[in-house]
Protein backbone atom coordinates (compact mmCIF):
# COMPACT_ATOMS: atom_id res chain seq x y z
CA UNK A 1 126.34 62.59 108.83
CA UNK A 2 123.22 60.67 108.77
CA UNK A 3 120.85 60.89 105.70
CA UNK A 4 117.74 62.43 106.40
CA UNK A 5 114.48 60.32 107.08
CA UNK A 6 111.79 60.66 104.76
CA UNK A 7 109.75 62.39 107.21
CA UNK A 8 112.68 65.13 107.70
CA UNK A 9 112.86 65.25 103.97
CA UNK A 10 109.09 65.92 103.66
CA UNK A 11 109.18 68.80 106.50
CA UNK A 12 112.16 70.42 104.63
CA UNK A 13 110.02 70.29 101.30
CA UNK A 14 107.15 72.24 103.19
CA UNK A 15 109.49 74.84 104.49
CA UNK A 16 109.56 78.54 103.09
CA UNK A 17 112.83 79.74 102.04
CA UNK A 18 111.88 83.20 102.20
CA UNK A 19 109.30 85.25 104.01
CA UNK A 20 108.94 89.07 103.34
CA UNK A 21 106.87 91.30 105.74
CA UNK A 22 105.63 94.42 104.50
CA UNK A 23 106.10 93.80 100.87
CA UNK A 24 104.53 96.84 99.61
CA UNK A 25 104.10 96.53 95.85
CA UNK A 26 105.67 92.99 95.82
CA UNK A 27 108.33 94.19 93.18
CA UNK A 28 111.25 92.85 95.16
CA UNK A 29 109.77 89.38 96.31
CA UNK A 30 108.31 88.77 92.91
CA UNK A 31 111.76 89.34 91.16
CA UNK A 32 113.00 86.92 93.86
CA UNK A 33 110.41 84.36 92.43
CA UNK A 34 111.29 84.80 89.21
CA UNK A 35 115.17 84.10 90.00
CA UNK A 36 114.15 81.02 92.33
CA UNK A 37 111.43 79.35 90.19
CA UNK A 38 113.75 76.49 88.86
CA UNK A 39 115.28 76.12 92.30
CA UNK A 40 112.11 74.61 93.92
CA UNK A 41 111.93 77.47 96.63
CA UNK A 42 108.96 78.61 98.35
CA UNK A 43 108.28 82.35 99.01
CA UNK A 44 105.70 84.20 101.26
CA UNK A 45 105.13 87.71 101.20
CA UNK A 46 102.52 89.68 103.99
CA UNK A 47 101.24 93.09 103.23
CA UNK A 48 99.17 95.13 105.37
CA UNK A 49 96.98 96.36 102.43
CA UNK A 50 96.27 94.85 98.97
CA UNK A 51 97.47 96.68 96.26
CA UNK A 52 95.77 97.26 92.84
CA UNK A 53 96.95 95.20 90.02
CA UNK A 54 99.49 92.96 91.89
CA UNK A 55 100.04 89.44 91.14
CA UNK A 56 99.36 87.64 94.46
CA UNK A 57 100.30 84.21 93.25
CA UNK A 58 103.19 82.53 91.23
CA UNK A 59 104.28 78.81 90.98
CA UNK A 60 106.55 79.43 93.96
CA UNK A 61 105.23 82.63 95.51
CA UNK A 62 102.29 83.51 97.46
CA UNK A 63 101.36 87.24 98.65
CA UNK A 64 98.78 87.47 101.59
CA UNK A 65 97.31 90.64 103.15
CA UNK A 66 96.22 91.36 106.42
CA UNK A 67 97.72 91.76 110.21
CA UNK A 68 101.19 90.67 110.35
CA UNK A 69 101.01 88.90 113.97
CA UNK A 70 97.83 87.16 112.69
CA UNK A 71 99.49 85.74 109.64
CA UNK A 72 102.89 84.77 111.49
CA UNK A 73 100.60 82.83 114.13
CA UNK A 74 99.25 80.63 111.60
CA UNK A 75 102.73 79.43 110.36
CA UNK A 76 104.15 76.30 111.98
CA UNK A 77 106.93 76.46 114.27
CA UNK A 78 110.66 76.16 112.39
CA UNK A 79 109.02 76.41 108.91
CA UNK A 80 110.95 79.49 107.80
CA UNK A 81 114.18 79.76 106.52
CA UNK A 82 115.02 83.58 106.05
CA UNK A 83 112.83 86.41 106.86
CA UNK A 84 113.04 89.96 105.60
CA UNK A 85 111.35 93.09 106.85
CA UNK A 86 112.39 96.52 105.91
CA UNK A 87 111.36 99.18 107.89
CA UNK A 88 108.97 96.96 109.32
CA UNK A 89 109.52 97.92 113.08
CA UNK A 90 109.85 101.42 112.19
CA UNK A 91 106.22 101.07 110.64
CA UNK A 92 105.02 99.66 113.83
CA UNK A 93 106.36 102.27 115.98
CA UNK A 94 104.79 105.09 113.56
CA UNK A 95 101.61 103.39 114.15
CA UNK A 96 101.85 103.34 117.76
CA UNK A 97 102.44 99.68 118.16
CA UNK A 98 105.92 99.56 120.22
CA UNK A 99 106.77 98.70 123.58
CA UNK A 100 107.37 102.04 124.80
CA UNK A 101 104.00 103.45 123.84
CA UNK A 102 102.81 101.58 126.82
CA UNK A 103 99.15 103.43 127.05
CA UNK A 104 98.32 102.42 123.18
CA UNK A 105 95.91 99.61 122.64
CA UNK A 106 98.31 97.88 120.16
CA UNK A 107 101.44 98.32 123.18
CA UNK A 108 104.09 95.64 122.81
CA UNK A 109 102.84 94.30 119.38
CA UNK A 110 106.30 95.08 118.30
CA UNK A 111 107.79 92.22 120.57
CA UNK A 112 105.00 89.83 119.83
CA UNK A 113 105.76 90.05 116.49
CA UNK A 114 109.56 89.49 116.98
CA UNK A 115 108.57 86.66 119.19
CA UNK A 116 106.59 85.31 116.45
CA UNK A 117 109.43 85.60 113.96
CA UNK A 118 111.99 83.66 116.30
CA UNK A 119 109.40 81.14 116.55
CA UNK A 120 108.89 80.50 112.76
CA UNK A 121 112.55 80.53 111.88
CA UNK A 122 114.50 77.22 111.75
CA UNK A 123 117.39 76.87 113.94
CA UNK A 124 120.28 79.30 112.66
CA UNK A 125 117.42 80.90 110.63
CA UNK A 126 117.92 84.80 109.96
CA UNK A 127 116.03 87.99 109.96
CA UNK A 128 117.56 90.26 107.54
CA UNK A 129 115.82 94.02 107.91
CA UNK A 130 116.56 97.49 106.87
CA UNK A 131 115.88 100.22 109.53
CA UNK A 132 116.36 104.02 110.17
CA UNK A 133 119.38 104.84 111.84
CA UNK A 134 117.12 106.86 114.49
CA UNK A 135 115.07 103.71 115.25
CA UNK A 136 117.95 101.15 115.19
CA UNK A 137 118.44 101.16 119.11
CA UNK A 138 114.45 100.55 119.59
CA UNK A 139 114.45 97.73 117.20
CA UNK A 140 117.60 96.10 118.66
CA UNK A 141 116.27 95.97 122.22
CA UNK A 142 113.08 94.31 120.54
CA UNK A 143 115.16 91.85 118.94
CA UNK A 144 117.13 91.12 121.96
CA UNK A 145 114.21 90.50 124.13
CA UNK A 146 112.98 88.09 121.48
CA UNK A 147 115.94 86.00 121.99
CA UNK A 148 118.11 86.79 118.84
CA UNK A 149 121.61 87.75 118.51
CA UNK A 150 122.37 90.36 115.97
CA UNK A 151 124.56 92.60 113.96
CA UNK A 152 123.86 95.84 112.05
CA UNK A 153 125.78 97.97 109.47
CA UNK A 154 125.24 100.95 107.32
CA UNK A 155 123.52 99.62 104.33
CA UNK A 156 125.83 100.32 101.14
CA UNK A 157 124.78 102.86 98.49
CA UNK A 158 124.90 100.40 95.89
CA UNK A 159 121.76 98.46 97.10
CA UNK A 160 119.74 101.92 97.57
CA UNK A 161 118.21 101.39 94.40
CA UNK A 162 116.79 97.84 94.99
CA UNK A 163 113.58 99.31 95.58
CA UNK A 164 111.42 102.54 94.97
CA UNK A 165 111.27 103.35 98.51
CA UNK A 166 115.02 103.05 99.02
CA UNK A 167 115.62 105.32 96.01
CA UNK A 168 113.12 107.97 97.29
CA UNK A 169 115.00 107.69 100.80
CA UNK A 170 118.27 108.09 99.41
CA UNK A 171 117.36 111.26 97.35
CA UNK A 172 116.11 112.66 100.80
CA UNK A 173 119.11 111.80 102.97
CA UNK A 174 121.56 113.14 100.33
CA UNK A 175 120.18 116.40 99.89
CA UNK A 176 119.05 117.02 103.68
CA UNK A 177 121.86 116.69 106.05
CA UNK A 178 119.31 116.98 109.22
CA UNK A 179 117.22 114.03 107.55
CA UNK A 180 120.27 112.01 107.15
CA UNK A 181 121.13 111.70 110.94
CA UNK A 182 117.90 110.01 111.26
CA UNK A 183 116.64 108.19 108.05
CA UNK A 184 119.98 106.62 107.37
CA UNK A 185 119.29 103.09 106.32
CA UNK A 186 120.97 100.48 108.56
CA UNK A 187 121.14 96.79 108.05
CA UNK A 188 120.19 94.37 110.80
CA UNK A 189 120.87 90.61 110.45
CA UNK A 190 119.48 88.63 113.39
CA UNK A 191 120.10 85.12 113.94
CA UNK A 192 118.13 82.43 115.99
CA UNK A 193 120.20 80.38 118.08
CA UNK A 194 119.27 77.05 119.87
CA UNK A 195 120.69 76.51 123.46
CA UNK A 196 123.16 73.72 124.13
CA UNK A 197 120.20 71.73 125.72
CA UNK A 198 117.94 71.90 122.67
CA UNK A 199 121.10 70.65 120.48
CA UNK A 200 121.20 67.64 122.50
CA UNK A 201 117.51 67.32 122.23
CA UNK A 202 117.59 67.43 118.19
CA UNK A 203 120.04 64.60 118.03
């Protein structure tokens, strides 16, 4: 294996280790930033609206606010290693920003976001997200159209306490069987693959 050139090392150093879309109160991303502060990792989070009293910048973490598609468009191609986005596509659907809602002003925003996620991920980079079981088919259709390969499985209950929202969701679906059929959390791991032709061009 050939050693990396100084340019390749500089590019790698500027890459974002983790990008969180829909950070909400920033609790999870802040905890991850604390754990990785000594590992020279860069973390970035995007949230629709600013949360009062939230620390938006640490040594290795920056939280920005605004429209996600716009923020993704500002990132260089192949600049992010991993992207997390819990219930993000379900949120787009609830706002009418999904492909099936053709008459909506923001129709196809979900697909455009997925394409931007694919663009900014490094080769073999991953999108890791949690979505409702009832919305899973819609999300997987969008990810497939954007060029991802994916796998999905139910989110183990031991992870339901990772965020306040998952805690509330867990309490709801454990007490309401009807809600469980739609709201059960599914984890989706989508991988950005590169074609054989692209692999040859990178050698």
